Amino acid sequence: MEVIAPRSTAPRREFAKHVEEGCPYRDDDVMAPEKGVSTGTTIMAVEFDGGVVLGADTRTSTGQYVANRASRKITKMDERICVCRCGSAADTQALSGFVQFYLGQHAVELGRPPAVKTCANLFKIFAYNNKDRLMAGMIVAGWDEKSGGQVYNIPLGGSLIRVPFACDGSGSGYIAGLMDKTYRPGMSKAECIEFVVNSVAHAMARDGSSGGMIRTVVITKDGLEETHMEGNKLPFGP
């Protein structure tokens, strides 16, 4: 007669991280997976007659830890095109690199600067074809001779929507009503800058993943103009 050995009741050995004195891991979460770097953030862009204004906070976090308080979430794609990035920092940086490469080749073939919509379409293709593997939300904005200032929203999933203004990131839900209330068609460049700075400042005050400074980029036919506002000079605070 066969004898079935009883199942062992000894605790199962699992790999454990070595926790040194002063390590930020608590004793009860050393087995938990580490969280990746994410740009939980507030990004936005708005059109005006003659160009666009882009804005973003500068906080990059790894879980609850602030990894960088002065990061750049607005990436230059061409002389008059930029992209605001939110989601996974690795995913959005990789996408930006791919699009810069193809956009540069396209500009050489054309013999002239690429269109803003072309840049947005390249982001859409990469985002949509890899929608199950990426966590990346982008706002592409810029100026070209054919269509002037343009803002394209490319949220998670890879949709492509042209809008007069757009906002994304973890802080966007806090200021959706504020933006709908304060946005007016036909605003001037100065009014758009004030609109962006005020909106992002309110999001930073409410959203724990948004913080640091506010970086703004103005794009017109004359090129890019970048400015920033320190955290202790914001028009609205907690």
C-alpha atoms as a PDB file:
ATOM      1  CA  MET A   1       0.000   0.000   0.000  1.00  0.00           C
ATOM      2  CA  GLU A   2       1.330   3.441  -0.962  1.00  0.00           C
ATOM      3  CA  VAL A   3       1.823   5.959   1.758  1.00  0.00           C
ATOM      4  CA  ILE A   4       1.250   9.595   0.903  1.00  0.00           C
ATOM      5  CA  ALA A   5       3.679  11.782   2.763  1.00  0.00           C
ATOM      6  CA  PRO A   6       2.006  14.552   4.726  1.00  0.00           C
ATOM      7  CA  ARG A   7       2.386  18.071   3.332  1.00  0.00           C
ATOM      8  CA  SER A   8       5.155  19.987   5.037  1.00  0.00           C
ATOM      9  CA  THR A   9       3.962  22.665   7.413  1.00  0.00           C
ATOM     10  CA  ALA A  10       7.331  24.424   7.525  1.00  0.00           C
ATOM     11  CA  PRO A  11       7.152  28.074   6.435  1.00  0.00           C
ATOM     12  CA  ARG A  12       8.090  28.626   2.827  1.00  0.00           C
ATOM     13  CA  ARG A  13      11.410  30.393   2.380  1.00  0.00           C
ATOM     14  CA  GLU A  14      11.197  33.491   0.233  1.00  0.00           C
ATOM     15  CA  PHE A  15      13.864  35.792  -1.011  1.00  0.00           C
ATOM     16  CA  ALA A  16      14.255  38.717   1.365  1.00  0.00           C
ATOM     17  CA  LYS A  17      16.005  41.996   0.748  1.00  0.00           C
ATOM     18  CA  HIS A  18      18.871  42.835   3.031  1.00  0.00           C
ATOM     19  CA  VAL A  19      17.678  45.751   5.126  1.00  0.00           C
ATOM     20  CA  GLU A  20      20.520  47.853   6.451  1.00  0.00           C
ATOM     21  CA  GLU A  21      20.220  50.197   9.369  1.00  0.00           C
ATOM     22  CA  GLY A  22      18.606  53.440   8.234  1.00  0.00           C
ATOM     23  CA  CYS A  23      17.137  51.858   5.078  1.00  0.00           C
ATOM     24  CA  PRO A  24      13.876  53.570   4.002  1.00  0.00           C
ATOM     25  CA  TYR A  25      12.077  50.188   3.744  1.00  0.00           C
ATOM     26  CA  ARG A  26       9.880  49.255   6.680  1.00  0.00           C
ATOM     27  CA  ASP A  27      10.116  45.747   8.131  1.00  0.00           C
ATOM     28  CA  ASP A  28       6.605  44.923   6.897  1.00  0.00           C
ATOM     29  CA  ASP A  29       7.088  45.930   3.271  1.00  0.00           C
ATOM     30  CA  VAL A  30      10.579  44.733   2.353  1.00  0.00           C
ATOM     31  CA  MET A  31       9.008  42.052   0.146  1.00  0.00           C
ATOM     32  CA  ALA A  32       6.801  44.521  -1.727  1.00  0.00           C
ATOM     33  CA  PRO A  33       7.906  45.340  -5.297  1.00  0.00           C
ATOM     34  CA  GLU A  34       9.541  48.703  -5.784  1.00  0.00           C
ATOM     35  CA  LYS A  35       7.478  51.254  -7.656  1.00  0.00           C
ATOM     36  CA  GLY A  36       8.817  52.688 -10.881  1.00  0.00           C
ATOM     37  CA  VAL A  37       9.554  56.322 -11.528  1.00  0.00           C
ATOM     38  CA  SER A  38       6.379  58.100 -12.601  1.00  0.00           C
ATOM     39  CA  THR A  39       5.637  61.670 -13.547  1.00  0.00           C
ATOM     40  CA  GLY A  40       2.457  62.011 -11.523  1.00  0.00           C
ATOM     41  CA  THR A  41       2.066  65.561 -12.651  1.00  0.00           C
ATOM     42  CA  THR A  42       0.111  68.465 -14.082  1.00  0.00           C
ATOM     43  CA  ILE A  43       0.715  69.382 -17.722  1.00  0.00           C
ATOM     44  CA  MET A  44      -1.284  71.691 -19.971  1.00  0.00           C
ATOM     45  CA  ALA A  45      -1.193  73.731 -23.174  1.00  0.00           C
ATOM     46  CA  VAL A  46      -3.376  76.410 -24.727  1.00  0.00           C
ATOM     47  CA  GLU A  47      -3.601  78.085 -28.149  1.00  0.00           C
ATOM     48  CA  PHE A  48      -3.569  81.825 -28.762  1.00  0.00           C
ATOM     49  CA  ASP A  49      -3.525  83.909 -31.921  1.00  0.00           C
ATOM     50  CA  GLY A  50       0.042  83.430 -33.102  1.00  0.00           C
ATOM     51  CA  GLY A  51       1.220  80.491 -31.046  1.00  0.00           C
ATOM     52  CA  VAL A  52       0.794  78.275 -28.010  1.00  0.00           C
ATOM     53  CA  VAL A  53       1.709  78.264 -24.317  1.00  0.00           C
ATOM     54  CA  LEU A  54       2.744  75.052 -22.557  1.00  0.00           C
ATOM     55  CA  GLY A  55       3.110  74.605 -18.811  1.00  0.00           C
ATOM     56  CA  ALA A  56       4.048  71.889 -16.335  1.00  0.00           C
ATOM     57  CA  ASP A  57       5.119  71.356 -12.758  1.00  0.00           C
ATOM     58  CA  THR A  58       8.564  69.844 -12.056  1.00  0.00           C
ATOM     59  CA  ARG A  59       8.022  67.069  -9.482  1.00  0.00           C
ATOM     60  CA  THR A  60       9.027  63.495 -10.376  1.00  0.00           C
ATOM     61  CA  SER A  61       8.190  60.810  -7.814  1.00  0.00           C
ATOM     62  CA  THR A  62       8.983  57.166  -7.124  1.00  0.00           C
ATOM     63  CA  GLY A  63       5.980  56.065  -5.121  1.00  0.00           C
ATOM     64  CA  GLN A  64       5.774  58.441  -2.168  1.00  0.00           C
ATOM     65  CA  TYR A  65       9.373  59.659  -2.584  1.00  0.00           C
ATOM     66  CA  VAL A  66      10.173  62.807  -4.556  1.00  0.00           C
ATOM     67  CA  ALA A  67      13.027  61.757  -6.834  1.00  0.00           C
ATOM     68  CA  ASN A  68      13.462  65.099  -8.605  1.00  0.00           C
ATOM     69  CA  ARG A  69      11.884  68.428  -7.707  1.00  0.00           C
ATOM     70  CA  ALA A  70      13.124  70.336 -10.764  1.00  0.00           C
ATOM     71  CA  SER A  71      12.632  67.928 -13.659  1.00  0.00           C
ATOM     72  CA  ARG A  72      11.670  68.931 -17.201  1.00  0.00           C
ATOM     73  CA  LYS A  73       8.366  67.524 -18.420  1.00  0.00           C
ATOM     74  CA  ILE A  74       8.251  69.697 -21.541  1.00  0.00           C
ATOM     75  CA  THR A  75      10.476  68.169 -24.238  1.00  0.00           C
ATOM     76  CA  LYS A  76      11.582  69.982 -27.385  1.00  0.00           C
ATOM     77  CA  MET A  77      10.790  67.946 -30.508  1.00  0.00           C
ATOM     78  CA  ASP A  78      11.675  70.512 -33.166  1.00  0.00           C
ATOM     79  CA  GLU A  79      12.428  74.219 -33.372  1.00  0.00           C
ATOM     80  CA  ARG A  80       8.721  75.080 -32.957  1.00  0.00           C
ATOM     81  CA  ILE A  81       7.209  71.879 -31.521  1.00  0.00           C
ATOM     82  CA  CYS A  82       7.213  70.606 -27.929  1.00  0.00           C
ATOM     83  CA  VAL A  83       5.515  67.793 -26.030  1.00  0.00           C
ATOM     84  CA  CYS A  84       4.307  67.733 -22.420  1.00  0.00           C
ATOM     85  CA  ARG A  85       4.707  64.286 -20.831  1.00  0.00           C
ATOM     86  CA  CYS A  86       2.838  62.507 -18.026  1.00  0.00           C
ATOM     87  CA  GLY A  87       2.599  58.909 -16.860  1.00  0.00           C
ATOM     88  CA  SER A  88       5.662  56.674 -16.691  1.00  0.00           C
ATOM     89  CA  ALA A  89       8.862  58.677 -17.082  1.00  0.00           C
ATOM     90  CA  ALA A  90      10.592  55.786 -18.882  1.00  0.00           C
ATOM     91  CA  ASP A  91       7.729  55.306 -21.337  1.00  0.00           C
ATOM     92  CA  THR A  92       7.341  58.978 -22.227  1.00  0.00           C
ATOM     93  CA  GLN A  93      11.097  59.526 -22.551  1.00  0.00           C
ATOM     94  CA  ALA A  94      11.407  56.519 -24.864  1.00  0.00           C
ATOM     95  CA  LEU A  95       8.481  57.709 -26.998  1.00  0.00           C
ATOM     96  CA  SER A  96       9.992  61.191 -27.248  1.00  0.00           C
ATOM     97  CA  GLY A  97      13.295  59.729 -28.435  1.00  0.00           C
ATOM     98  CA  PHE A  98      11.636  57.618 -31.129  1.00  0.00           C
ATOM     99  CA  VAL A  99       9.522  60.520 -32.390  1.00  0.00           C
ATOM    100  CA  GLN A 100      12.522  62.892 -32.448  1.00  0.00           C
ATOM    101  CA  PHE A 101      14.398  60.389 -34.635  1.00  0.00           C
ATOM    102  CA  TYR A 102      11.597  59.898 -37.170  1.00  0.00           C
ATOM    103  CA  LEU A 103      10.648  63.568 -37.148  1.00  0.00           C
ATOM    104  CA  GLY A 104      14.246  64.531 -37.909  1.00  0.00           C
ATOM    105  CA  GLN A 105      14.352  62.116 -40.848  1.00  0.00           C
ATOM    106  CA  HIS A 106      11.039  63.475 -42.107  1.00  0.00           C
ATOM    107  CA  ALA A 107      12.327  67.064 -41.948  1.00  0.00           C
ATOM    108  CA  VAL A 108      15.412  66.116 -43.978  1.00  0.00           C
ATOM    109  CA  GLU A 109      13.243  64.451 -46.627  1.00  0.00           C
ATOM    110  CA  LEU A 110      10.923  67.472 -46.827  1.00  0.00           C
ATOM    111  CA  GLY A 111      13.684  70.043 -46.745  1.00  0.00           C
ATOM    112  CA  ARG A 112      11.609  72.187 -44.351  1.00  0.00           C
ATOM    113  CA  PRO A 113      10.369  72.080 -40.741  1.00  0.00           C
ATOM    114  CA  PRO A 114       7.761  69.374 -40.038  1.00  0.00           C
ATOM    115  CA  ALA A 115       4.121  70.135 -39.242  1.00  0.00           C
ATOM    116  CA  VAL A 116       2.844  69.995 -35.676  1.00  0.00           C
ATOM    117  CA  LYS A 117       0.192  67.470 -36.707  1.00  0.00           C
ATOM    118  CA  THR A 118       2.886  65.178 -38.125  1.00  0.00           C
ATOM    119  CA  CYS A 119       4.620  65.100 -34.745  1.00  0.00           C
ATOM    120  CA  ALA A 120       1.321  64.432 -32.993  1.00  0.00           C
ATOM    121  CA  ASN A 121       0.499  61.613 -35.431  1.00  0.00           C
ATOM    122  CA  LEU A 122       3.839  59.926 -34.755  1.00  0.00           C
ATOM    123  CA  PHE A 123       3.123  59.980 -31.012  1.00  0.00           C
ATOM    124  CA  LYS A 124      -0.359  58.617 -31.686  1.00  0.00           C
ATOM    125  CA  ILE A 125       0.982  55.717 -33.783  1.00  0.00           C
ATOM    126  CA  PHE A 126       3.483  54.624 -31.130  1.00  0.00           C
ATOM    127  CA  ALA A 127       1.004  55.091 -28.275  1.00  0.00           C
ATOM    128  CA  TYR A 128      -1.891  53.283 -29.978  1.00  0.00           C
ATOM    129  CA  ASN A 129       0.174  50.359 -31.281  1.00  0.00           C
ATOM    130  CA  ASN A 130       1.579  49.793 -27.776  1.00  0.00           C
ATOM    131  CA  LYS A 131      -1.454  50.805 -25.721  1.00  0.00           C
ATOM    132  CA  ASP A 132      -1.346  47.586 -23.661  1.00  0.00           C
ATOM    133  CA  ARG A 133       2.288  48.116 -22.670  1.00  0.00           C
ATOM    134  CA  LEU A 134       2.622  51.857 -22.132  1.00  0.00           C
ATOM    135  CA  MET A 135       1.489  54.310 -19.492  1.00  0.00           C
ATOM    136  CA  ALA A 136       1.992  57.548 -21.342  1.00  0.00           C
ATOM    137  CA  GLY A 137      -0.119  60.654 -21.825  1.00  0.00           C
ATOM    138  CA  MET A 138       1.141  63.451 -24.062  1.00  0.00           C
ATOM    139  CA  ILE A 139       0.135  66.934 -25.155  1.00  0.00           C
ATOM    140  CA  VAL A 140       1.820  68.007 -28.405  1.00  0.00           C
ATOM    141  CA  ALA A 141       1.778  71.735 -29.131  1.00  0.00           C
ATOM    142  CA  GLY A 142       3.586  74.028 -31.509  1.00  0.00           C
ATOM    143  CA  TRP A 143       3.431  76.407 -34.450  1.00  0.00           C
ATOM    144  CA  ASP A 144       3.798  75.865 -38.184  1.00  0.00           C
ATOM    145  CA  GLU A 145       3.240  78.036 -41.260  1.00  0.00           C
ATOM    146  CA  LYS A 146       0.210  76.087 -42.486  1.00  0.00           C
ATOM    147  CA  SER A 147      -1.998  75.992 -39.372  1.00  0.00           C
ATOM    148  CA  GLY A 148      -0.395  78.370 -36.873  1.00  0.00           C
ATOM    149  CA  GLY A 149      -0.562  77.450 -33.196  1.00  0.00           C
ATOM    150  CA  GLN A 150      -1.990  73.992 -32.463  1.00  0.00           C
ATOM    151  CA  VAL A 151      -2.602  71.792 -29.418  1.00  0.00           C
ATOM    152  CA  TYR A 152      -3.117  68.037 -29.726  1.00  0.00           C
ATOM    153  CA  ASN A 153      -4.112  65.841 -26.794  1.00  0.00           C
ATOM    154  CA  ILE A 154      -2.917  62.197 -26.853  1.00  0.00           C
ATOM    155  CA  PRO A 155      -4.256  60.513 -23.681  1.00  0.00           C
ATOM    156  CA  LEU A 156      -3.744  56.907 -22.532  1.00  0.00           C
ATOM    157  CA  GLY A 157      -4.758  54.536 -25.302  1.00  0.00           C
ATOM    158  CA  GLY A 158      -3.453  56.592 -28.208  1.00  0.00           C
ATOM    159  CA  SER A 159      -6.344  58.841 -29.250  1.00  0.00           C
ATOM    160  CA  LEU A 160      -5.507  62.043 -31.122  1.00  0.00           C
ATOM    161  CA  ILE A 161      -7.692  65.103 -30.541  1.00  0.00           C
ATOM    162  CA  ARG A 162      -7.038  68.707 -31.522  1.00  0.00           C
ATOM    163  CA  VAL A 163      -8.326  71.036 -28.802  1.00  0.00           C
ATOM    164  CA  PRO A 164      -8.032  74.765 -27.978  1.00  0.00           C
ATOM    165  CA  PHE A 165      -6.553  73.843 -24.586  1.00  0.00           C
ATOM    166  CA  ALA A 166      -5.661  70.590 -22.849  1.00  0.00           C
ATOM    167  CA  CYS A 167      -4.641  69.393 -19.416  1.00  0.00           C
ATOM    168  CA  ASP A 168      -3.481  65.953 -18.249  1.00  0.00           C
ATOM    169  CA  GLY A 169      -1.756  64.210 -15.374  1.00  0.00           C
ATOM    170  CA  SER A 170      -2.752  63.454 -11.811  1.00  0.00           C
ATOM    171  CA  GLY A 171      -3.419  67.122 -11.065  1.00  0.00           C
ATOM    172  CA  SER A 172      -5.735  67.709 -14.018  1.00  0.00           C
ATOM    173  CA  GLY A 173      -8.825  66.394 -12.209  1.00  0.00           C
ATOM    174  CA  TYR A 174      -8.478  69.031  -9.519  1.00  0.00           C
ATOM    175  CA  ILE A 175      -8.595  71.969 -11.950  1.00  0.00           C
ATOM    176  CA  ALA A 176     -10.986  70.862 -14.717  1.00  0.00           C
ATOM    177  CA  GLY A 177     -13.761  73.103 -13.409  1.00  0.00           C
ATOM    178  CA  LEU A 178     -11.383  76.017 -12.872  1.00  0.00           C
ATOM    179  CA  MET A 179     -10.115  75.782 -16.444  1.00  0.00           C
ATOM    180  CA  ASP A 180     -13.622  75.573 -17.915  1.00  0.00           C
ATOM    181  CA  LYS A 181     -14.578  78.649 -15.895  1.00  0.00           C
ATOM    182  CA  THR A 182     -11.551  80.824 -16.672  1.00  0.00           C
ATOM    183  CA  TYR A 183     -10.747  79.877 -20.290  1.00  0.00           C
ATOM    184  CA  ARG A 184     -11.879  82.362 -22.922  1.00  0.00           C
ATOM    185  CA  PRO A 185     -11.426  82.003 -26.699  1.00  0.00           C
ATOM    186  CA  GLY A 186      -9.211  84.669 -28.218  1.00  0.00           C
ATOM    187  CA  MET A 187      -6.982  85.268 -25.172  1.00  0.00           C
ATOM    188  CA  SER A 188      -3.721  87.118 -25.733  1.00  0.00           C
ATOM    189  CA  LYS A 189      -0.275  85.648 -25.123  1.00  0.00           C
ATOM    190  CA  ALA A 190      -0.012  87.299 -21.691  1.00  0.00           C
ATOM    191  CA  GLU A 191      -3.493  86.116 -20.714  1.00  0.00           C
ATOM    192  CA  CYS A 192      -2.676  82.549 -21.777  1.00  0.00           C
ATOM    193  CA  ILE A 193       0.507  82.546 -19.689  1.00  0.00           C
ATOM    194  CA  GLU A 194      -1.476  83.771 -16.684  1.00  0.00           C
ATOM    195  CA  PHE A 195      -4.149  81.128 -17.357  1.00  0.00           C
ATOM    196  CA  VAL A 196      -1.554  78.324 -17.472  1.00  0.00           C
ATOM    197  CA  VAL A 197       0.415  79.445 -14.418  1.00  0.00           C
ATOM    198  CA  ASN A 198      -2.694  79.991 -12.300  1.00  0.00           C
ATOM    199  CA  SER A 199      -4.194  76.609 -13.263  1.00  0.00           C
ATOM    200  CA  VAL A 200      -1.005  74.617 -12.626  1.00  0.00           C
ATOM    201  CA  ALA A 201      -0.462  76.434  -9.317  1.00  0.00           C
ATOM    202  CA  HIS A 202      -3.936  75.387  -8.114  1.00  0.00           C
ATOM    203  CA  ALA A 203      -3.242  71.781  -9.147  1.00  0.00           C
ATOM    204  CA  MET A 204       0.081  71.787  -7.289  1.00  0.00           C
ATOM    205  CA  ALA A 205      -1.682  72.986  -4.142  1.00  0.00           C
ATOM    206  CA  ARG A 206      -4.181  70.097  -4.263  1.00  0.00           C
ATOM    207  CA  ASP A 207      -2.281  67.205  -5.841  1.00  0.00           C
ATOM    208  CA  GLY A 208       0.447  65.506  -3.825  1.00  0.00           C
ATOM    209  CA  SER A 209       2.179  64.255  -6.983  1.00  0.00           C
ATOM    210  CA  SER A 210       2.534  67.759  -8.442  1.00  0.00           C
ATOM    211  CA  GLY A 211       4.996  70.261  -7.043  1.00  0.00           C
ATOM    212  CA  GLY A 212       8.307  72.068  -7.415  1.00  0.00           C
ATOM    213  CA  MET A 213       8.339  74.917  -9.910  1.00  0.00           C
ATOM    214  CA  ILE A 214       6.192  75.813 -12.890  1.00  0.00           C
ATOM    215  CA  ARG A 215       7.937  75.771 -16.254  1.00  0.00           C
ATOM    216  CA  THR A 216       6.284  77.521 -19.200  1.00  0.00           C
ATOM    217  CA  VAL A 217       7.205  77.483 -22.889  1.00  0.00           C
ATOM    218  CA  VAL A 218       5.777  79.934 -25.434  1.00  0.00           C
ATOM    219  CA  ILE A 219       6.054  78.879 -29.088  1.00  0.00           C
ATOM    220  CA  THR A 220       5.508  81.356 -31.943  1.00  0.00           C
ATOM    221  CA  LYS A 221       6.889  81.812 -35.449  1.00  0.00           C
ATOM    222  CA  ASP A 222       9.963  83.352 -33.804  1.00  0.00           C
ATOM    223  CA  GLY A 223      10.793  80.156 -31.893  1.00  0.00           C
ATOM    224  CA  LEU A 224      10.675  79.028 -28.262  1.00  0.00           C
ATOM    225  CA  GLU A 225      10.659  81.207 -25.163  1.00  0.00           C
ATOM    226  CA  GLU A 226      11.085  79.313 -21.885  1.00  0.00           C
ATOM    227  CA  THR A 227      10.499  80.749 -18.416  1.00  0.00           C
ATOM    228  CA  HIS A 228       9.958  79.352 -14.933  1.00  0.00           C
ATOM    229  CA  MET A 229       8.405  80.372 -11.626  1.00  0.00           C
ATOM    230  CA  GLU A 230       9.830  79.178  -8.303  1.00  0.00           C
ATOM    231  CA  GLY A 231       7.592  77.371  -5.846  1.00  0.00           C
ATOM    232  CA  ASN A 232       7.675  80.212  -3.300  1.00  0.00           C
ATOM    233  CA  LYS A 233       6.431  82.739  -5.887  1.00  0.00           C
ATOM    234  CA  LEU A 234       3.339  80.940  -7.142  1.00  0.00           C
ATOM    235  CA  PRO A 235       0.081  82.927  -7.424  1.00  0.00           C
ATOM    236  CA  PHE A 236      -1.777  80.283  -5.397  1.00  0.00           C
ATOM    237  CA  GLY A 237      -0.493  78.034  -2.608  1.00  0.00           C
ATOM    238  CA  PRO A 238      -1.748  75.508  -0.086  1.00  0.00           C
END
